[in-house]
Amino acid sequence: MLPETEHILPDVLDHAAEALFRKYDWKDGGWGNAPKFPQSMVIEFLLRRYHRSGDKLALDMATHALRSMVRGGLYDLIGGGFHRYSVDNQWLLPHFEKMLYDNTLLIRSYLYAWQIT
């Protein structure tokens, strides 16, 4: 357990953000290839980075990822909620399984993005 006085150095956060920028899929949204999982914790990190530092690229990447997922087949238009992951790179063909913990994290990311935009 870390003492309460220790903090993550800003350089570490900058390097993490740079790695995310380099690996982001600007065509289809998200990181990596199929199967594509929604990266809600990464998105929340980017939204918080924007909120704290004004890093516009972090906001653009986070909102692009969120829009890509909701416009594809990951969001269930009939039953509501998000499927676990997409089996293609474009978020069009979902794996037809829903997990409560995934939906909880995604709802939080979408809400936070709405609040700061």
N, C-alpha and C. Protein backbone atom coordinates (compact mmCIF):
# COMPACT_ATOMS: atom_id res chain seq x y z
N MET A 1 0.84 -1.18 0.00
CA MET A 1 0.00 0.00 0.00
C MET A 1 0.89 1.24 0.00
N LEU A 2 0.58 2.18 -0.89
CA LEU A 2 1.35 3.41 -0.98
C LEU A 2 0.96 4.38 0.13
N PRO A 3 1.93 5.06 0.68
CA PRO A 3 1.58 6.12 1.64
C PRO A 3 0.77 7.20 0.94
N GLU A 4 -0.07 7.89 1.70
CA GLU A 4 -0.94 8.90 1.10
C GLU A 4 -0.18 10.06 0.50
N THR A 5 1.07 10.25 0.87
CA THR A 5 1.84 11.38 0.37
C THR A 5 2.43 11.13 -1.01
N GLU A 6 2.43 9.89 -1.48
CA GLU A 6 3.00 9.60 -2.79
C GLU A 6 1.97 9.83 -3.89
N HIS A 7 2.44 10.38 -5.01
CA HIS A 7 1.58 10.67 -6.13
C HIS A 7 2.19 10.10 -7.40
N ILE A 8 1.36 9.90 -8.39
CA ILE A 8 1.86 9.48 -9.69
C ILE A 8 2.48 10.71 -10.34
N LEU A 9 3.67 10.57 -10.84
CA LEU A 9 4.36 11.69 -11.48
C LEU A 9 3.67 12.04 -12.80
N PRO A 10 3.56 13.33 -13.11
CA PRO A 10 2.92 13.75 -14.36
C PRO A 10 3.56 13.12 -15.60
N ASP A 11 4.87 12.89 -15.57
CA ASP A 11 5.54 12.27 -16.72
C ASP A 11 4.98 10.89 -17.03
N VAL A 12 4.64 10.14 -15.99
CA VAL A 12 4.08 8.80 -16.18
C VAL A 12 2.74 8.89 -16.90
N LEU A 13 1.92 9.85 -16.48
CA LEU A 13 0.61 10.03 -17.13
C LEU A 13 0.77 10.53 -18.56
N ASP A 14 1.74 11.40 -18.79
CA ASP A 14 2.00 11.88 -20.15
C ASP A 14 2.42 10.74 -21.07
N HIS A 15 3.29 9.86 -20.57
CA HIS A 15 3.75 8.72 -21.38
C HIS A 15 2.59 7.77 -21.67
N ALA A 16 1.72 7.55 -20.69
CA ALA A 16 0.55 6.68 -20.90
C ALA A 16 -0.36 7.27 -21.98
N ALA A 17 -0.61 8.58 -21.90
CA ALA A 17 -1.46 9.24 -22.90
C ALA A 17 -0.83 9.17 -24.28
N GLU A 18 0.47 9.38 -24.37
CA GLU A 18 1.16 9.31 -25.67
C GLU A 18 1.05 7.92 -26.28
N ALA A 19 1.17 6.89 -25.45
CA ALA A 19 1.04 5.52 -25.95
C ALA A 19 -0.38 5.27 -26.48
N LEU A 20 -1.37 5.81 -25.79
CA LEU A 20 -2.75 5.67 -26.25
C LEU A 20 -2.97 6.41 -27.56
N PHE A 21 -2.39 7.59 -27.69
CA PHE A 21 -2.52 8.38 -28.92
C PHE A 21 -1.94 7.61 -30.11
N ARG A 22 -0.78 7.00 -29.90
CA ARG A 22 -0.10 6.28 -30.98
C ARG A 22 -0.86 5.04 -31.44
N LYS A 23 -1.57 4.40 -30.54
CA LYS A 23 -2.23 3.13 -30.86
C LYS A 23 -3.72 3.28 -31.18
N TYR A 24 -4.20 4.51 -31.19
CA TYR A 24 -5.64 4.71 -31.40
C TYR A 24 -6.03 4.49 -32.87
N ASP A 25 -7.17 3.88 -33.08
CA ASP A 25 -7.71 3.62 -34.41
C ASP A 25 -8.67 4.75 -34.77
N TRP A 26 -8.16 5.77 -35.50
CA TRP A 26 -8.99 6.92 -35.84
C TRP A 26 -10.03 6.60 -36.91
N LYS A 27 -9.87 5.52 -37.60
CA LYS A 27 -10.86 5.13 -38.62
C LYS A 27 -12.12 4.55 -37.96
N ASP A 28 -11.94 3.56 -37.11
CA ASP A 28 -13.07 2.84 -36.53
C ASP A 28 -13.29 3.09 -35.05
N GLY A 29 -12.34 3.72 -34.40
CA GLY A 29 -12.47 3.97 -32.96
C GLY A 29 -11.93 2.81 -32.14
N GLY A 30 -11.44 3.12 -30.98
CA GLY A 30 -10.93 2.10 -30.07
C GLY A 30 -9.46 1.81 -30.28
N TRP A 31 -9.00 0.78 -29.59
CA TRP A 31 -7.59 0.40 -29.62
C TRP A 31 -7.50 -1.06 -29.99
N GLY A 32 -6.58 -1.38 -30.86
CA GLY A 32 -6.36 -2.76 -31.26
C GLY A 32 -7.29 -3.22 -32.36
N ASN A 33 -7.20 -4.49 -32.66
CA ASN A 33 -8.01 -5.11 -33.70
C ASN A 33 -9.04 -6.04 -33.09
N ALA A 34 -9.91 -6.56 -33.95
CA ALA A 34 -10.97 -7.46 -33.50
C ALA A 34 -10.37 -8.70 -32.84
N PRO A 35 -11.02 -9.19 -31.82
CA PRO A 35 -12.21 -8.64 -31.21
C PRO A 35 -11.89 -7.35 -30.45
N LYS A 36 -12.80 -6.39 -30.56
CA LYS A 36 -12.61 -5.08 -29.92
C LYS A 36 -13.49 -4.97 -28.68
N PHE A 37 -12.84 -4.71 -27.57
CA PHE A 37 -13.53 -4.52 -26.32
C PHE A 37 -13.61 -3.03 -26.01
N PRO A 38 -14.72 -2.58 -25.44
CA PRO A 38 -14.79 -1.18 -25.03
C PRO A 38 -13.81 -0.95 -23.87
N GLN A 39 -13.03 0.08 -23.98
CA GLN A 39 -12.00 0.38 -22.97
C GLN A 39 -12.48 1.54 -22.08
N SER A 40 -13.47 1.27 -21.25
CA SER A 40 -14.09 2.34 -20.47
C SER A 40 -13.11 3.01 -19.51
N MET A 41 -12.21 2.26 -18.92
CA MET A 41 -11.25 2.88 -17.98
C MET A 41 -10.25 3.77 -18.72
N VAL A 42 -9.86 3.37 -19.90
CA VAL A 42 -8.97 4.20 -20.72
C VAL A 42 -9.69 5.48 -21.13
N ILE A 43 -10.94 5.34 -21.53
CA ILE A 43 -11.72 6.50 -21.94
C ILE A 43 -11.89 7.46 -20.77
N GLU A 44 -12.17 6.92 -19.60
CA GLU A 44 -12.30 7.78 -18.42
C GLU A 44 -10.99 8.48 -18.10
N PHE A 45 -9.86 7.80 -18.24
CA PHE A 45 -8.55 8.43 -18.04
C PHE A 45 -8.39 9.61 -18.98
N LEU A 46 -8.75 9.42 -20.25
CA LEU A 46 -8.61 10.49 -21.24
C LEU A 46 -9.55 11.65 -20.94
N LEU A 47 -10.77 11.35 -20.51
CA LEU A 47 -11.71 12.43 -20.15
C LEU A 47 -11.20 13.22 -18.95
N ARG A 48 -10.67 12.52 -17.98
CA ARG A 48 -10.11 13.21 -16.79
C ARG A 48 -8.89 14.03 -17.17
N ARG A 49 -8.09 13.51 -18.09
CA ARG A 49 -6.92 14.25 -18.56
C ARG A 49 -7.36 15.57 -19.20
N TYR A 50 -8.39 15.49 -20.04
CA TYR A 50 -8.91 16.71 -20.66
C TYR A 50 -9.43 17.67 -19.59
N HIS A 51 -10.19 17.15 -18.66
CA HIS A 51 -10.79 17.99 -17.62
C HIS A 51 -9.73 18.71 -16.79
N ARG A 52 -8.64 18.01 -16.51
CA ARG A 52 -7.58 18.59 -15.65
C ARG A 52 -6.61 19.48 -16.42
N SER A 53 -6.30 19.10 -17.66
CA SER A 53 -5.22 19.80 -18.36
C SER A 53 -5.67 20.53 -19.63
N GLY A 54 -6.89 20.26 -20.09
CA GLY A 54 -7.34 20.87 -21.33
C GLY A 54 -6.78 20.20 -22.57
N ASP A 55 -6.28 18.97 -22.44
CA ASP A 55 -5.69 18.23 -23.56
C ASP A 55 -6.80 17.86 -24.55
N LYS A 56 -6.94 18.65 -25.61
CA LYS A 56 -8.02 18.49 -26.60
C LYS A 56 -7.92 17.14 -27.33
N LEU A 57 -6.72 16.67 -27.58
CA LEU A 57 -6.56 15.38 -28.25
C LEU A 57 -7.13 14.25 -27.40
N ALA A 58 -6.96 14.34 -26.10
CA ALA A 58 -7.52 13.32 -25.20
C ALA A 58 -9.04 13.33 -25.28
N LEU A 59 -9.64 14.51 -25.31
CA LEU A 59 -11.10 14.61 -25.43
C LEU A 59 -11.57 14.08 -26.78
N ASP A 60 -10.89 14.46 -27.84
CA ASP A 60 -11.27 14.01 -29.18
C ASP A 60 -11.22 12.48 -29.29
N MET A 61 -10.18 11.89 -28.73
CA MET A 61 -10.03 10.45 -28.79
C MET A 61 -11.13 9.75 -27.99
N ALA A 62 -11.40 10.25 -26.79
CA ALA A 62 -12.41 9.64 -25.93
C ALA A 62 -13.80 9.75 -26.57
N THR A 63 -14.16 10.92 -27.06
CA THR A 63 -15.50 11.09 -27.64
C THR A 63 -15.64 10.33 -28.96
N HIS A 64 -14.55 10.25 -29.73
CA HIS A 64 -14.60 9.46 -30.97
C HIS A 64 -14.83 7.98 -30.65
N ALA A 65 -14.15 7.47 -29.64
CA ALA A 65 -14.33 6.07 -29.25
C ALA A 65 -15.77 5.83 -28.79
N LEU A 66 -16.30 6.73 -27.97
CA LEU A 66 -17.66 6.57 -27.47
C LEU A 66 -18.67 6.62 -28.60
N ARG A 67 -18.49 7.55 -29.51
CA ARG A 67 -19.41 7.65 -30.66
C ARG A 67 -19.32 6.42 -31.55
N SER A 68 -18.11 5.95 -31.79
CA SER A 68 -17.92 4.76 -32.64
C SER A 68 -18.63 3.55 -32.06
N MET A 69 -18.53 3.37 -30.76
CA MET A 69 -19.16 2.21 -30.12
C MET A 69 -20.68 2.30 -30.16
N VAL A 70 -21.22 3.47 -29.89
CA VAL A 70 -22.68 3.60 -29.83
C VAL A 70 -23.31 3.58 -31.22
N ARG A 71 -22.59 4.03 -32.23
CA ARG A 71 -23.12 4.02 -33.61
C ARG A 71 -23.03 2.65 -34.25
N GLY A 72 -22.15 1.82 -33.76
CA GLY A 72 -22.01 0.47 -34.30
C GLY A 72 -23.05 -0.45 -33.69
N GLY A 73 -22.77 -1.73 -33.69
CA GLY A 73 -23.71 -2.71 -33.16
C GLY A 73 -23.47 -3.05 -31.71
N LEU A 74 -22.53 -2.38 -31.06
CA LEU A 74 -22.23 -2.69 -29.67
C LEU A 74 -23.40 -2.32 -28.77
N TYR A 75 -24.10 -1.23 -29.11
CA TYR A 75 -25.25 -0.81 -28.32
C TYR A 75 -26.49 -1.55 -28.81
N ASP A 76 -27.23 -2.14 -27.90
CA ASP A 76 -28.43 -2.89 -28.23
C ASP A 76 -29.62 -1.94 -28.29
N LEU A 77 -30.06 -1.63 -29.51
CA LEU A 77 -31.16 -0.68 -29.71
C LEU A 77 -32.50 -1.22 -29.21
N ILE A 78 -32.67 -2.50 -29.17
CA ILE A 78 -33.94 -3.10 -28.76
C ILE A 78 -33.99 -3.32 -27.25
N GLY A 79 -32.99 -3.98 -26.73
CA GLY A 79 -33.00 -4.32 -25.31
C GLY A 79 -32.27 -3.34 -24.42
N GLY A 80 -31.56 -2.39 -25.02
CA GLY A 80 -30.78 -1.44 -24.23
C GLY A 80 -29.48 -2.06 -23.76
N GLY A 81 -28.58 -1.25 -23.35
CA GLY A 81 -27.29 -1.72 -22.84
C GLY A 81 -26.31 -2.02 -23.95
N PHE A 82 -25.12 -2.38 -23.54
CA PHE A 82 -24.03 -2.66 -24.46
C PHE A 82 -23.65 -4.13 -24.40
N HIS A 83 -23.36 -4.68 -25.57
CA HIS A 83 -22.84 -6.03 -25.64
C HIS A 83 -21.39 -6.03 -25.17
N ARG A 84 -20.90 -7.18 -24.85
CA ARG A 84 -19.56 -7.34 -24.24
C ARG A 84 -18.44 -6.82 -25.13
N TYR A 85 -18.47 -7.15 -26.41
CA TYR A 85 -17.43 -6.71 -27.33
C TYR A 85 -17.91 -6.90 -28.76
N SER A 86 -17.12 -6.38 -29.68
CA SER A 86 -17.42 -6.51 -31.11
C SER A 86 -16.45 -7.52 -31.72
N VAL A 87 -16.97 -8.35 -32.61
CA VAL A 87 -16.10 -9.34 -33.24
C VAL A 87 -15.44 -8.82 -34.51
N ASP A 88 -15.76 -7.56 -34.88
CA ASP A 88 -15.13 -6.95 -36.04
C ASP A 88 -14.49 -5.62 -35.63
N ASN A 89 -13.72 -5.03 -36.52
CA ASN A 89 -13.01 -3.78 -36.22
C ASN A 89 -13.92 -2.55 -36.23
N GLN A 90 -15.07 -2.63 -36.86
CA GLN A 90 -15.94 -1.46 -37.03
C GLN A 90 -17.02 -1.36 -35.96
N TRP A 91 -17.02 -2.21 -34.97
CA TRP A 91 -18.03 -2.22 -33.90
C TRP A 91 -19.41 -2.58 -34.43
N LEU A 92 -19.52 -3.26 -35.58
CA LEU A 92 -20.82 -3.56 -36.17
C LEU A 92 -21.42 -4.88 -35.71
N LEU A 93 -20.60 -5.89 -35.52
CA LEU A 93 -21.08 -7.22 -35.18
C LEU A 93 -20.74 -7.54 -33.72
N PRO A 94 -21.73 -7.45 -32.84
CA PRO A 94 -21.43 -7.68 -31.43
C PRO A 94 -21.36 -9.17 -31.08
N HIS A 95 -20.66 -9.45 -30.03
CA HIS A 95 -20.75 -10.76 -29.39
C HIS A 95 -21.97 -10.63 -28.48
N PHE A 96 -23.00 -11.44 -28.70
CA PHE A 96 -24.29 -11.24 -28.04
C PHE A 96 -24.26 -11.72 -26.59
N GLU A 97 -23.59 -10.94 -25.79
CA GLU A 97 -23.50 -11.20 -24.36
C GLU A 97 -23.41 -9.83 -23.69
N LYS A 98 -24.11 -9.65 -22.60
CA LYS A 98 -24.05 -8.38 -21.87
C LYS A 98 -23.60 -8.67 -20.44
N MET A 99 -22.70 -7.83 -19.97
CA MET A 99 -22.21 -7.96 -18.60
C MET A 99 -22.54 -6.69 -17.84
N LEU A 100 -23.07 -6.86 -16.65
CA LEU A 100 -23.47 -5.71 -15.84
C LEU A 100 -22.28 -4.81 -15.53
N TYR A 101 -21.14 -5.40 -15.20
CA TYR A 101 -19.98 -4.57 -14.85
C TYR A 101 -19.49 -3.77 -16.05
N ASP A 102 -19.56 -4.33 -17.26
CA ASP A 102 -19.18 -3.56 -18.45
C ASP A 102 -20.13 -2.39 -18.66
N ASN A 103 -21.42 -2.67 -18.53
CA ASN A 103 -22.42 -1.61 -18.73
C ASN A 103 -22.28 -0.52 -17.68
N THR A 104 -22.00 -0.88 -16.46
CA THR A 104 -21.81 0.11 -15.40
C THR A 104 -20.65 1.04 -15.73
N LEU A 105 -19.54 0.49 -16.16
CA LEU A 105 -18.38 1.32 -16.49
C LEU A 105 -18.64 2.17 -17.73
N LEU A 106 -19.31 1.61 -18.72
CA LEU A 106 -19.60 2.37 -19.94
C LEU A 106 -20.59 3.50 -19.68
N ILE A 107 -21.61 3.24 -18.90
CA ILE A 107 -22.58 4.29 -18.57
C ILE A 107 -21.86 5.44 -17.88
N ARG A 108 -20.96 5.11 -16.98
CA ARG A 108 -20.19 6.12 -16.28
C ARG A 108 -19.34 6.95 -17.25
N SER A 109 -18.72 6.29 -18.22
CA SER A 109 -17.91 7.00 -19.22
C SER A 109 -18.76 7.91 -20.09
N TYR A 110 -19.90 7.41 -20.54
CA TYR A 110 -20.80 8.23 -21.37
C TYR A 110 -21.33 9.42 -20.57
N LEU A 111 -21.68 9.21 -19.31
CA LEU A 111 -22.18 10.30 -18.48
C LEU A 111 -21.10 11.36 -18.27
N TYR A 112 -19.90 10.93 -17.97
CA TYR A 112 -18.81 11.87 -17.74
C TYR A 112 -18.50 12.66 -19.02
N ALA A 113 -18.51 11.99 -20.16
CA ALA A 113 -18.27 12.68 -21.44
C ALA A 113 -19.37 13.71 -21.67
N TRP A 114 -20.61 13.36 -21.39
CA TRP A 114 -21.71 14.30 -21.56
C TRP A 114 -21.52 15.50 -20.64
N GLN A 115 -21.12 15.25 -19.40
CA GLN A 115 -20.95 16.35 -18.45
C GLN A 115 -19.87 17.34 -18.88
N ILE A 116 -18.77 16.85 -19.42
CA ILE A 116 -17.68 17.78 -19.75
C ILE A 116 -17.78 18.36 -21.16
N THR A 117 -18.71 17.83 -21.96
CA THR A 117 -18.89 18.40 -23.29
C THR A 117 -20.18 19.19 -23.35
